[in-house]
Amino acid sequence: MGKAAMCIQMLSLLNSGRVFKVSELAEALETNKRNVIEYKKEIEKAGYDIVSLSGRYGGYRLKKSDLFPVVKLSDEESTAFFNAYSYVSSRNDFLEKDALNKAVGKIASSIPPMENHNNNIYLSTSLDAKEPASALYYFLQGAITNKTVIKIQYITFGQGTMGFIVHPYQLINYKDEWYLLAWVPEKGDVFSFKFSRILSYELQNEKFTVWKYYDVKNYFTPEGFKFKKKDLFPIVFEVHEFPEAILKEKLSGINADFISKGENFFEVHCQVADSSLTVSFLLGFGGYVKVLSPDWLKERMKKQASAILANYP
């Protein structure tokens, strides 16, 4: 594909109005970061003003005065788009799902959000938090709109990749990360799923009804995700050889305090809700973690460590 065509594609992405990191544009255009910088220069030569924003949430954004009109889908057309995408994605005999997901992502970047997406929650540090240009977003929004059960493969703490049958309720943007709030019938409660940890997703031939006692305030506040108070218990542990950024990523969605005790050495104070999952999560740090409290959790860690050693006589 020639440079002119690539510039047009990049301009189409930027026309969504959101901020794109150079790496995101490179991935969407299937090229490298150096080429993206060159395309930016060419687009600016054509008279468009691309704003460069610095910082963690920075990137490229097309100046609002330069945004050009796009075709606006009606709610009926958007719903049809969701249904068609969801239907095709759910078929096992459709062999081009990866290409379809990329195509839907590009389409998503060029159309405005549906008006009935006001159920989404935005608590972002970025002024440009908008619907992401991703096939996953459109898939989930379609499943929520049509109340369709879905199956996801998800990277969990300590237990690796697991499959979940869920009832998708709501999408949340928190600190510039997207999450799905969904009822998990197997667990009998609502849980959050981070977009970046959802490996695959598919529709199930089943509809759901939203739990009559569901209230988002019971699971999410401006301070972050939460569990019912009666289900929480405090833990304190030390972990070393892990940078703070990695720890915060692993503990995303959990309110935690980090006390530095040296280079890549932290004492962590947090509250968790499931003791069995907590043991599995902590074991994921291997020999670099030490539980300080409570005592019963230390005993469970010892028991699990002994069981692991017994497998290697």
C-alpha atoms as a PDB file:
ATOM      1  CA  MET A   1       0.000   0.000   0.000  1.00  0.00           C
ATOM      2  CA  GLY A   2       1.372   3.405  -0.983  1.00  0.00           C
ATOM      3  CA  LYS A   3       2.178   6.302   1.325  1.00  0.00           C
ATOM      4  CA  ALA A   4      -0.859   8.284   0.193  1.00  0.00           C
ATOM      5  CA  ALA A   5      -3.216   5.437   1.064  1.00  0.00           C
ATOM      6  CA  MET A   6      -1.556   4.991   4.461  1.00  0.00           C
ATOM      7  CA  CYS A   7      -1.900   8.713   5.198  1.00  0.00           C
ATOM      8  CA  ILE A   8      -5.590   8.550   4.324  1.00  0.00           C
ATOM      9  CA  GLN A   9      -6.074   5.591   6.666  1.00  0.00           C
ATOM     10  CA  MET A  10      -4.216   7.363   9.470  1.00  0.00           C
ATOM     11  CA  LEU A  11      -6.271  10.519   8.925  1.00  0.00           C
ATOM     12  CA  SER A  12      -9.443   8.420   9.081  1.00  0.00           C
ATOM     13  CA  LEU A  13      -8.373   6.985  12.443  1.00  0.00           C
ATOM     14  CA  LEU A  14      -7.487  10.403  13.857  1.00  0.00           C
ATOM     15  CA  ASN A  15     -10.818  11.741  12.649  1.00  0.00           C
ATOM     16  CA  SER A  16     -12.496   9.792  15.466  1.00  0.00           C
ATOM     17  CA  GLY A  17     -11.364  12.645  17.734  1.00  0.00           C
ATOM     18  CA  ARG A  18      -9.531  10.465  20.255  1.00  0.00           C
ATOM     19  CA  VAL A  19      -5.843  10.469  21.183  1.00  0.00           C
ATOM     20  CA  PHE A  20      -3.774   7.720  19.587  1.00  0.00           C
ATOM     21  CA  LYS A  21      -0.379   6.626  20.799  1.00  0.00           C
ATOM     22  CA  VAL A  22       2.173   6.223  18.004  1.00  0.00           C
ATOM     23  CA  SER A  23       2.317   2.504  18.801  1.00  0.00           C
ATOM     24  CA  GLU A  24      -1.483   2.217  18.422  1.00  0.00           C
ATOM     25  CA  LEU A  25      -1.377   3.880  15.019  1.00  0.00           C
ATOM     26  CA  ALA A  26       1.512   1.668  13.953  1.00  0.00           C
ATOM     27  CA  GLU A  27      -0.441  -1.441  14.944  1.00  0.00           C
ATOM     28  CA  ALA A  28      -3.650  -0.285  13.271  1.00  0.00           C
ATOM     29  CA  LEU A  29      -1.800   0.585  10.062  1.00  0.00           C
ATOM     30  CA  GLU A  30       0.363  -2.544  10.267  1.00  0.00           C
ATOM     31  CA  THR A  31       3.566  -0.545   9.963  1.00  0.00           C
ATOM     32  CA  ASN A  32       6.327   0.781  12.241  1.00  0.00           C
ATOM     33  CA  LYS A  33       6.487   3.881  14.459  1.00  0.00           C
ATOM     34  CA  ARG A  34       8.990   5.644  12.195  1.00  0.00           C
ATOM     35  CA  ASN A  35       6.559   5.466   9.270  1.00  0.00           C
ATOM     36  CA  VAL A  36       3.754   6.846  11.455  1.00  0.00           C
ATOM     37  CA  ILE A  37       5.883   9.922  12.184  1.00  0.00           C
ATOM     38  CA  GLU A  38       6.484  10.356   8.449  1.00  0.00           C
ATOM     39  CA  TYR A  39       2.769  10.006   7.686  1.00  0.00           C
ATOM     40  CA  LYS A  40       2.071  12.693  10.301  1.00  0.00           C
ATOM     41  CA  LYS A  41       4.392  15.084   8.468  1.00  0.00           C
ATOM     42  CA  GLU A  42       2.723  14.345   5.128  1.00  0.00           C
ATOM     43  CA  ILE A  43      -0.771  14.875   6.567  1.00  0.00           C
ATOM     44  CA  GLU A  44       0.309  18.205   8.058  1.00  0.00           C
ATOM     45  CA  LYS A  45       1.700  19.244   4.670  1.00  0.00           C
ATOM     46  CA  ALA A  46      -1.803  18.702   3.293  1.00  0.00           C
ATOM     47  CA  GLY A  47      -3.097  21.327   5.722  1.00  0.00           C
ATOM     48  CA  TYR A  48      -4.303  19.236   8.660  1.00  0.00           C
ATOM     49  CA  ASP A  49      -3.124  20.131  12.167  1.00  0.00           C
ATOM     50  CA  ILE A  50      -2.160  17.087  14.252  1.00  0.00           C
ATOM     51  CA  VAL A  51      -1.634  17.951  17.906  1.00  0.00           C
ATOM     52  CA  SER A  52       1.167  16.092  19.725  1.00  0.00           C
ATOM     53  CA  LEU A  53       0.368  15.530  23.402  1.00  0.00           C
ATOM     54  CA  SER A  54       3.145  14.559  25.815  1.00  0.00           C
ATOM     55  CA  GLY A  55       3.014  12.493  28.981  1.00  0.00           C
ATOM     56  CA  ARG A  56       1.735   9.068  29.905  1.00  0.00           C
ATOM     57  CA  TYR A  57      -1.599   9.603  28.193  1.00  0.00           C
ATOM     58  CA  GLY A  58      -0.188  11.557  25.277  1.00  0.00           C
ATOM     59  CA  GLY A  59      -0.122  10.820  21.575  1.00  0.00           C
ATOM     60  CA  TYR A  60      -1.507  12.284  18.364  1.00  0.00           C
ATOM     61  CA  ARG A  61      -4.884  13.985  18.028  1.00  0.00           C
ATOM     62  CA  LEU A  62      -6.403  15.762  15.065  1.00  0.00           C
ATOM     63  CA  LYS A  63      -7.219  19.380  15.890  1.00  0.00           C
ATOM     64  CA  LYS A  64     -10.975  19.680  16.391  1.00  0.00           C
ATOM     65  CA  SER A  65     -11.323  22.388  13.754  1.00  0.00           C
ATOM     66  CA  ASP A  66      -9.830  19.966  11.212  1.00  0.00           C
ATOM     67  CA  LEU A  67     -12.204  17.093  11.929  1.00  0.00           C
ATOM     68  CA  PHE A  68     -14.166  16.246   8.816  1.00  0.00           C
ATOM     69  CA  PRO A  69     -17.748  14.943   8.790  1.00  0.00           C
ATOM     70  CA  VAL A  70     -18.417  11.220   8.988  1.00  0.00           C
ATOM     71  CA  VAL A  71     -21.531   9.213   8.279  1.00  0.00           C
ATOM     72  CA  LYS A  72     -23.581   8.963  11.470  1.00  0.00           C
ATOM     73  CA  LEU A  73     -25.353   5.682  12.053  1.00  0.00           C
ATOM     74  CA  SER A  74     -28.842   5.749  13.478  1.00  0.00           C
ATOM     75  CA  ASP A  75     -29.518   3.689  16.603  1.00  0.00           C
ATOM     76  CA  GLU A  76     -31.273   1.103  14.412  1.00  0.00           C
ATOM     77  CA  GLU A  77     -28.286   0.930  12.056  1.00  0.00           C
ATOM     78  CA  SER A  78     -25.846   0.661  14.969  1.00  0.00           C
ATOM     79  CA  THR A  79     -27.885  -2.139  16.524  1.00  0.00           C
ATOM     80  CA  ALA A  80     -27.930  -3.954  13.178  1.00  0.00           C
ATOM     81  CA  PHE A  81     -24.158  -3.503  12.974  1.00  0.00           C
ATOM     82  CA  PHE A  82     -23.732  -4.976  16.474  1.00  0.00           C
ATOM     83  CA  ASN A  83     -26.032  -7.903  15.708  1.00  0.00           C
ATOM     84  CA  ALA A  84     -24.347  -8.741  12.418  1.00  0.00           C
ATOM     85  CA  TYR A  85     -20.861  -8.587  13.919  1.00  0.00           C
ATOM     86  CA  SER A  86     -21.893 -10.622  16.957  1.00  0.00           C
ATOM     87  CA  TYR A  87     -23.625 -13.241  14.805  1.00  0.00           C
ATOM     88  CA  VAL A  88     -20.697 -13.727  12.443  1.00  0.00           C
ATOM     89  CA  SER A  89     -18.199 -13.775  15.337  1.00  0.00           C
ATOM     90  CA  SER A  90     -20.148 -16.568  17.044  1.00  0.00           C
ATOM     91  CA  ARG A  91     -20.073 -18.925  14.044  1.00  0.00           C
ATOM     92  CA  ASN A  92     -17.481 -21.676  14.202  1.00  0.00           C
ATOM     93  CA  ASP A  93     -17.471 -22.061  10.421  1.00  0.00           C
ATOM     94  CA  PHE A  94     -16.313 -18.470   9.872  1.00  0.00           C
ATOM     95  CA  LEU A  95     -12.541 -18.705   9.487  1.00  0.00           C
ATOM     96  CA  GLU A  96     -11.556 -15.058   9.115  1.00  0.00           C
ATOM     97  CA  LYS A  97     -12.349 -13.733  12.593  1.00  0.00           C
ATOM     98  CA  ASP A  98      -8.970 -12.018  13.055  1.00  0.00           C
ATOM     99  CA  ALA A  99      -9.390 -10.038   9.850  1.00  0.00           C
ATOM    100  CA  LEU A 100     -13.002  -9.240  10.805  1.00  0.00           C
ATOM    101  CA  ASN A 101     -11.932  -7.946  14.227  1.00  0.00           C
ATOM    102  CA  LYS A 102      -9.355  -5.632  12.610  1.00  0.00           C
ATOM    103  CA  ALA A 103     -11.940  -4.384  10.103  1.00  0.00           C
ATOM    104  CA  VAL A 104     -14.507  -3.674  12.820  1.00  0.00           C
ATOM    105  CA  GLY A 105     -11.840  -1.835  14.803  1.00  0.00           C
ATOM    106  CA  LYS A 106     -11.168   0.436  11.826  1.00  0.00           C
ATOM    107  CA  ILE A 107     -14.897   1.020  11.283  1.00  0.00           C
ATOM    108  CA  ALA A 108     -15.304   1.768  14.999  1.00  0.00           C
ATOM    109  CA  SER A 109     -12.707   4.509  14.759  1.00  0.00           C
ATOM    110  CA  SER A 110     -14.568   6.320  12.001  1.00  0.00           C
ATOM    111  CA  ILE A 111     -18.135   6.446  13.336  1.00  0.00           C
ATOM    112  CA  PRO A 112     -19.447   8.390  16.328  1.00  0.00           C
ATOM    113  CA  PRO A 113     -20.613   6.516  19.441  1.00  0.00           C
ATOM    114  CA  MET A 114     -24.215   5.346  19.727  1.00  0.00           C
ATOM    115  CA  GLU A 115     -26.461   7.727  21.600  1.00  0.00           C
ATOM    116  CA  ASN A 116     -27.731   4.920  23.842  1.00  0.00           C
ATOM    117  CA  HIS A 117     -24.241   4.237  25.174  1.00  0.00           C
ATOM    118  CA  ASN A 118     -24.897   6.569  28.099  1.00  0.00           C
ATOM    119  CA  ASN A 119     -24.841   3.532  30.385  1.00  0.00           C
ATOM    120  CA  ASN A 120     -21.050   3.607  30.162  1.00  0.00           C
ATOM    121  CA  ILE A 121     -19.097   5.199  33.013  1.00  0.00           C
ATOM    122  CA  TYR A 122     -16.067   7.428  32.466  1.00  0.00           C
ATOM    123  CA  LEU A 123     -13.640   8.142  35.294  1.00  0.00           C
ATOM    124  CA  SER A 124     -10.512   8.906  33.331  1.00  0.00           C
ATOM    125  CA  THR A 125      -7.393  10.980  33.805  1.00  0.00           C
ATOM    126  CA  SER A 126      -7.495  11.776  30.092  1.00  0.00           C
ATOM    127  CA  LEU A 127      -9.697  14.506  28.667  1.00  0.00           C
ATOM    128  CA  ASP A 128     -10.116  12.432  25.510  1.00  0.00           C
ATOM    129  CA  ALA A 129     -11.554   9.228  26.986  1.00  0.00           C
ATOM    130  CA  LYS A 130     -13.945   7.932  24.348  1.00  0.00           C
ATOM    131  CA  GLU A 131     -15.187   4.600  23.089  1.00  0.00           C
ATOM    132  CA  PRO A 132     -12.064   2.697  22.013  1.00  0.00           C
ATOM    133  CA  ALA A 133     -11.611   1.862  18.349  1.00  0.00           C
ATOM    134  CA  SER A 134     -11.670  -1.870  19.012  1.00  0.00           C
ATOM    135  CA  ALA A 135     -13.720  -4.842  17.935  1.00  0.00           C
ATOM    136  CA  LEU A 136     -13.950  -6.003  21.569  1.00  0.00           C
ATOM    137  CA  TYR A 137     -15.728  -2.795  22.598  1.00  0.00           C
ATOM    138  CA  TYR A 138     -18.313  -3.165  19.844  1.00  0.00           C
ATOM    139  CA  PHE A 139     -18.776  -6.860  20.561  1.00  0.00           C
ATOM    140  CA  LEU A 140     -19.415  -6.227  24.264  1.00  0.00           C
ATOM    141  CA  GLN A 141     -21.646  -3.229  23.640  1.00  0.00           C
ATOM    142  CA  GLY A 142     -23.710  -5.350  21.267  1.00  0.00           C
ATOM    143  CA  ALA A 143     -24.012  -8.164  23.810  1.00  0.00           C
ATOM    144  CA  ILE A 144     -25.047  -5.666  26.509  1.00  0.00           C
ATOM    145  CA  THR A 145     -27.595  -3.993  24.245  1.00  0.00           C
ATOM    146  CA  ASN A 146     -29.123  -7.315  23.199  1.00  0.00           C
ATOM    147  CA  LYS A 147     -28.723  -9.007  26.610  1.00  0.00           C
ATOM    148  CA  THR A 148     -26.849 -11.963  25.141  1.00  0.00           C
ATOM    149  CA  VAL A 149     -24.736 -14.342  27.233  1.00  0.00           C
ATOM    150  CA  ILE A 150     -21.059 -14.507  26.215  1.00  0.00           C
ATOM    151  CA  LYS A 151     -18.062 -16.748  26.890  1.00  0.00           C
ATOM    152  CA  ILE A 152     -14.632 -15.211  27.452  1.00  0.00           C
ATOM    153  CA  GLN A 153     -11.107 -16.525  27.961  1.00  0.00           C
ATOM    154  CA  TYR A 154      -9.512 -14.361  30.631  1.00  0.00           C
ATOM    155  CA  ILE A 155      -6.065 -14.041  32.236  1.00  0.00           C
ATOM    156  CA  THR A 156      -6.646 -14.308  36.000  1.00  0.00           C
ATOM    157  CA  PHE A 157      -4.393 -13.613  38.963  1.00  0.00           C
ATOM    158  CA  GLY A 158      -2.458 -16.723  39.914  1.00  0.00           C
ATOM    159  CA  GLN A 159      -4.651 -19.232  38.010  1.00  0.00           C
ATOM    160  CA  GLY A 160      -3.620 -18.480  34.445  1.00  0.00           C
ATOM    161  CA  THR A 161      -6.153 -18.357  31.632  1.00  0.00           C
ATOM    162  CA  MET A 162      -9.694 -19.409  32.525  1.00  0.00           C
ATOM    163  CA  GLY A 163     -12.987 -19.563  30.670  1.00  0.00           C
ATOM    164  CA  PHE A 164     -16.038 -17.745  32.035  1.00  0.00           C
ATOM    165  CA  ILE A 165     -19.686 -17.720  30.980  1.00  0.00           C
ATOM    166  CA  VAL A 166     -20.880 -14.200  31.830  1.00  0.00           C
ATOM    167  CA  HIS A 167     -23.848 -11.849  31.541  1.00  0.00           C
ATOM    168  CA  PRO A 168     -22.352  -8.505  30.402  1.00  0.00           C
ATOM    169  CA  TYR A 169     -23.880  -5.571  32.294  1.00  0.00           C
ATOM    170  CA  GLN A 170     -21.808  -2.427  31.869  1.00  0.00           C
ATOM    171  CA  LEU A 171     -18.591  -0.956  30.431  1.00  0.00           C
ATOM    172  CA  ILE A 172     -16.391   1.280  32.592  1.00  0.00           C
ATOM    173  CA  ASN A 173     -13.434   3.494  31.721  1.00  0.00           C
ATOM    174  CA  TYR A 174     -11.310   3.902  34.840  1.00  0.00           C
ATOM    175  CA  LYS A 175      -7.882   5.582  34.771  1.00  0.00           C
ATOM    176  CA  ASP A 176      -7.844   5.217  30.974  1.00  0.00           C
ATOM    177  CA  GLU A 177      -8.403   1.471  31.089  1.00  0.00           C
ATOM    178  CA  TRP A 178     -11.610  -0.238  29.973  1.00  0.00           C
ATOM    179  CA  TYR A 179     -13.406  -2.854  32.080  1.00  0.00           C
ATOM    180  CA  LEU A 180     -16.479  -5.032  31.715  1.00  0.00           C
ATOM    181  CA  LEU A 181     -18.798  -5.492  34.705  1.00  0.00           C
ATOM    182  CA  ALA A 182     -20.564  -8.816  34.304  1.00  0.00           C
ATOM    183  CA  TRP A 183     -22.603 -11.314  36.283  1.00  0.00           C
ATOM    184  CA  VAL A 184     -20.840 -14.688  36.585  1.00  0.00           C
ATOM    185  CA  PRO A 185     -23.509 -17.372  37.193  1.00  0.00           C
ATOM    186  CA  GLU A 186     -20.929 -19.869  38.469  1.00  0.00           C
ATOM    187  CA  LYS A 187     -19.867 -17.409  41.193  1.00  0.00           C
ATOM    188  CA  GLY A 188     -23.295 -15.905  41.834  1.00  0.00           C
ATOM    189  CA  ASP A 189     -22.021 -12.325  41.778  1.00  0.00           C
ATOM    190  CA  VAL A 190     -20.764  -9.461  39.591  1.00  0.00           C
ATOM    191  CA  PHE A 191     -17.073  -9.237  38.688  1.00  0.00           C
ATOM    192  CA  SER A 192     -14.906  -6.854  36.674  1.00  0.00           C
ATOM    193  CA  PHE A 193     -12.889  -7.956  33.631  1.00  0.00           C
ATOM    194  CA  LYS A 194     -10.127  -5.793  32.211  1.00  0.00           C
ATOM    195  CA  PHE A 195     -10.177  -5.469  28.414  1.00  0.00           C
ATOM    196  CA  SER A 196      -6.444  -6.128  28.059  1.00  0.00           C
ATOM    197  CA  ARG A 197      -6.808  -9.499  29.814  1.00  0.00           C
ATOM    198  CA  ILE A 198      -9.676 -10.778  27.649  1.00  0.00           C
ATOM    199  CA  LEU A 199      -7.990 -13.124  25.175  1.00  0.00           C
ATOM    200  CA  SER A 200     -11.047 -14.311  23.239  1.00  0.00           C
ATOM    201  CA  TYR A 201     -14.801 -13.875  23.276  1.00  0.00           C
ATOM    202  CA  GLU A 202     -17.855 -15.439  21.670  1.00  0.00           C
ATOM    203  CA  LEU A 203     -21.626 -15.214  21.863  1.00  0.00           C
ATOM    204  CA  GLN A 204     -23.720 -17.974  23.363  1.00  0.00           C
ATOM    205  CA  ASN A 205     -27.150 -18.909  22.060  1.00  0.00           C
ATOM    206  CA  GLU A 206     -28.810 -17.628  25.221  1.00  0.00           C
ATOM    207  CA  LYS A 207     -30.355 -14.410  26.520  1.00  0.00           C
ATOM    208  CA  PHE A 208     -30.114 -13.115  30.092  1.00  0.00           C
ATOM    209  CA  THR A 209     -32.073 -10.883  32.445  1.00  0.00           C
ATOM    210  CA  VAL A 210     -30.206  -8.341  34.557  1.00  0.00           C
ATOM    211  CA  TRP A 211     -30.164  -9.304  38.243  1.00  0.00           C
ATOM    212  CA  LYS A 212     -32.917  -7.258  39.877  1.00  0.00           C
ATOM    213  CA  TYR A 213     -30.635  -6.223  42.767  1.00  0.00           C
ATOM    214  CA  TYR A 214     -27.795  -5.061  40.517  1.00  0.00           C
ATOM    215  CA  ASP A 215     -26.530  -1.575  41.355  1.00  0.00           C
ATOM    216  CA  VAL A 216     -23.205  -0.449  39.925  1.00  0.00           C
ATOM    217  CA  LYS A 217     -22.478   1.525  43.122  1.00  0.00           C
ATOM    218  CA  ASN A 218     -22.095  -1.797  44.957  1.00  0.00           C
ATOM    219  CA  TYR A 219     -19.167  -2.711  42.734  1.00  0.00           C
ATOM    220  CA  PHE A 220     -17.617   0.525  41.547  1.00  0.00           C
ATOM    221  CA  THR A 221     -17.060   4.021  42.965  1.00  0.00           C
ATOM    222  CA  PRO A 222     -14.837   6.955  41.916  1.00  0.00           C
ATOM    223  CA  GLU A 223     -12.164   5.370  44.141  1.00  0.00           C
ATOM    224  CA  GLY A 224     -12.171   2.183  42.074  1.00  0.00           C
ATOM    225  CA  PHE A 225     -13.698  -1.277  42.056  1.00  0.00           C
ATOM    226  CA  LYS A 226     -14.879  -2.729  45.321  1.00  0.00           C
ATOM    227  CA  PHE A 227     -16.471  -5.771  46.923  1.00  0.00           C
ATOM    228  CA  LYS A 228     -19.113  -5.924  49.613  1.00  0.00           C
ATOM    229  CA  LYS A 229     -17.541  -4.858  52.896  1.00  0.00           C
ATOM    230  CA  LYS A 230     -18.441  -8.101  54.646  1.00  0.00           C
ATOM    231  CA  ASP A 231     -16.433 -10.046  52.057  1.00  0.00           C
ATOM    232  CA  LEU A 232     -13.211  -8.078  52.457  1.00  0.00           C
ATOM    233  CA  PHE A 233     -10.234  -8.895  54.641  1.00  0.00           C
ATOM    234  CA  PRO A 234      -6.908  -7.040  54.931  1.00  0.00           C
ATOM    235  CA  ILE A 235      -3.567  -8.618  54.013  1.00  0.00           C
ATOM    236  CA  VAL A 236       0.030  -7.387  54.159  1.00  0.00           C
ATOM    237  CA  PHE A 237       2.854  -8.913  52.150  1.00  0.00           C
ATOM    238  CA  GLU A 238       6.370  -8.131  50.959  1.00  0.00           C
ATOM    239  CA  VAL A 239       7.449  -8.656  47.369  1.00  0.00           C
ATOM    240  CA  HIS A 240      10.776  -8.002  45.689  1.00  0.00           C
ATOM    241  CA  GLU A 241      12.253  -8.177  42.182  1.00  0.00           C
ATOM    242  CA  PHE A 242       9.055  -6.632  40.762  1.00  0.00           C
ATOM    243  CA  PRO A 243       8.928  -2.941  39.692  1.00  0.00           C
ATOM    244  CA  GLU A 244       6.108  -0.862  41.143  1.00  0.00           C
ATOM    245  CA  ALA A 245       4.476  -0.468  37.709  1.00  0.00           C
ATOM    246  CA  ILE A 246       4.198  -4.249  37.339  1.00  0.00           C
ATOM    247  CA  LEU A 247       2.785  -4.611  40.852  1.00  0.00           C
ATOM    248  CA  LYS A 248       0.141  -1.969  40.181  1.00  0.00           C
ATOM    249  CA  GLU A 249      -0.787  -3.749  36.962  1.00  0.00           C
ATOM    250  CA  LYS A 250      -1.157  -7.071  38.816  1.00  0.00           C
ATOM    251  CA  LEU A 251      -3.209  -5.374  41.535  1.00  0.00           C
ATOM    252  CA  SER A 252      -5.344  -3.335  39.108  1.00  0.00           C
ATOM    253  CA  GLY A 253      -8.885  -3.006  40.470  1.00  0.00           C
ATOM    254  CA  ILE A 254      -7.714  -3.532  44.084  1.00  0.00           C
ATOM    255  CA  ASN A 255      -7.135  -0.606  46.429  1.00  0.00           C
ATOM    256  CA  ALA A 256      -3.556  -1.092  47.619  1.00  0.00           C
ATOM    257  CA  ASP A 257      -0.879   0.964  49.383  1.00  0.00           C
ATOM    258  CA  PHE A 258       2.780   0.448  48.460  1.00  0.00           C
ATOM    259  CA  ILE A 259       5.587   1.133  50.932  1.00  0.00           C
ATOM    260  CA  SER A 260       9.024   1.169  49.321  1.00  0.00           C
ATOM    261  CA  LYS A 261      11.683  -0.767  51.243  1.00  0.00           C
ATOM    262  CA  GLY A 262      14.387  -0.600  48.606  1.00  0.00           C
ATOM    263  CA  GLU A 263      14.865  -0.973  44.860  1.00  0.00           C
ATOM    264  CA  ASN A 264      12.006  -3.125  43.486  1.00  0.00           C
ATOM    265  CA  PHE A 265      11.176  -4.120  47.079  1.00  0.00           C
ATOM    266  CA  PHE A 266       7.756  -3.200  48.473  1.00  0.00           C
ATOM    267  CA  GLU A 267       5.477  -3.838  51.426  1.00  0.00           C
ATOM    268  CA  VAL A 268       1.908  -3.992  50.122  1.00  0.00           C
ATOM    269  CA  HIS A 269      -1.250  -3.340  52.171  1.00  0.00           C
ATOM    270  CA  CYS A 270      -4.573  -4.189  50.520  1.00  0.00           C
ATOM    271  CA  GLN A 271      -7.990  -5.765  51.011  1.00  0.00           C
ATOM    272  CA  VAL A 272      -9.115  -8.830  49.076  1.00  0.00           C
ATOM    273  CA  ALA A 273     -12.323 -10.802  48.855  1.00  0.00           C
ATOM    274  CA  ASP A 274     -11.549 -14.475  48.119  1.00  0.00           C
ATOM    275  CA  SER A 275      -9.042 -16.323  50.298  1.00  0.00           C
ATOM    276  CA  SER A 276      -8.467 -19.213  47.872  1.00  0.00           C
ATOM    277  CA  LEU A 277      -7.829 -16.888  44.936  1.00  0.00           C
ATOM    278  CA  THR A 278      -5.558 -14.761  47.137  1.00  0.00           C
ATOM    279  CA  VAL A 279      -3.292 -17.744  47.866  1.00  0.00           C
ATOM    280  CA  SER A 280      -3.099 -18.575  44.152  1.00  0.00           C
ATOM    281  CA  PHE A 281      -2.384 -14.942  43.313  1.00  0.00           C
ATOM    282  CA  LEU A 282       0.421 -14.637  45.887  1.00  0.00           C
ATOM    283  CA  LEU A 283       1.992 -17.916  44.759  1.00  0.00           C
ATOM    284  CA  GLY A 284       2.226 -16.347  41.321  1.00  0.00           C
ATOM    285  CA  PHE A 285       5.125 -14.260  42.677  1.00  0.00           C
ATOM    286  CA  GLY A 286       7.070 -17.451  43.364  1.00  0.00           C
ATOM    287  CA  GLY A 287       9.833 -17.156  45.931  1.00  0.00           C
ATOM    288  CA  TYR A 288       9.778 -13.359  45.805  1.00  0.00           C
ATOM    289  CA  VAL A 289       6.769 -12.922  48.109  1.00  0.00           C
ATOM    290  CA  LYS A 290       6.395 -13.150  51.891  1.00  0.00           C
ATOM    291  CA  VAL A 291       3.052 -12.813  53.693  1.00  0.00           C
ATOM    292  CA  LEU A 292       3.293 -10.709  56.871  1.00  0.00           C
ATOM    293  CA  SER A 293      -0.347 -10.949  57.976  1.00  0.00           C
ATOM    294  CA  PRO A 294      -2.829 -12.399  58.755  1.00  0.00           C
ATOM    295  CA  ASP A 295      -1.468 -15.560  60.398  1.00  0.00           C
ATOM    296  CA  TRP A 296      -4.054 -17.887  58.856  1.00  0.00           C
ATOM    297  CA  LEU A 297      -2.988 -16.729  55.371  1.00  0.00           C
ATOM    298  CA  LYS A 298       0.663 -17.452  56.224  1.00  0.00           C
ATOM    299  CA  GLU A 299      -0.349 -20.984  57.255  1.00  0.00           C
ATOM    300  CA  ARG A 300      -2.234 -21.506  53.998  1.00  0.00           C
ATOM    301  CA  MET A 301       0.782 -20.330  52.030  1.00  0.00           C
ATOM    302  CA  LYS A 302       2.997 -22.798  53.943  1.00  0.00           C
ATOM    303  CA  LYS A 303       0.521 -25.610  53.271  1.00  0.00           C
ATOM    304  CA  GLN A 304       0.414 -24.874  49.548  1.00  0.00           C
ATOM    305  CA  ALA A 305       4.199 -24.533  49.360  1.00  0.00           C
ATOM    306  CA  SER A 306       4.573 -27.925  51.097  1.00  0.00           C
ATOM    307  CA  ALA A 307       2.119 -29.496  48.660  1.00  0.00           C
ATOM    308  CA  ILE A 308       4.138 -28.148  45.734  1.00  0.00           C
ATOM    309  CA  LEU A 309       7.408 -29.480  47.207  1.00  0.00           C
ATOM    310  CA  ALA A 310       5.804 -32.907  47.703  1.00  0.00           C
ATOM    311  CA  ASN A 311       5.460 -33.164  43.938  1.00  0.00           C
ATOM    312  CA  TYR A 312       9.253 -33.034  43.602  1.00  0.00           C
ATOM    313  CA  PRO A 313      10.646 -35.717  45.961  1.00  0.00           C
END
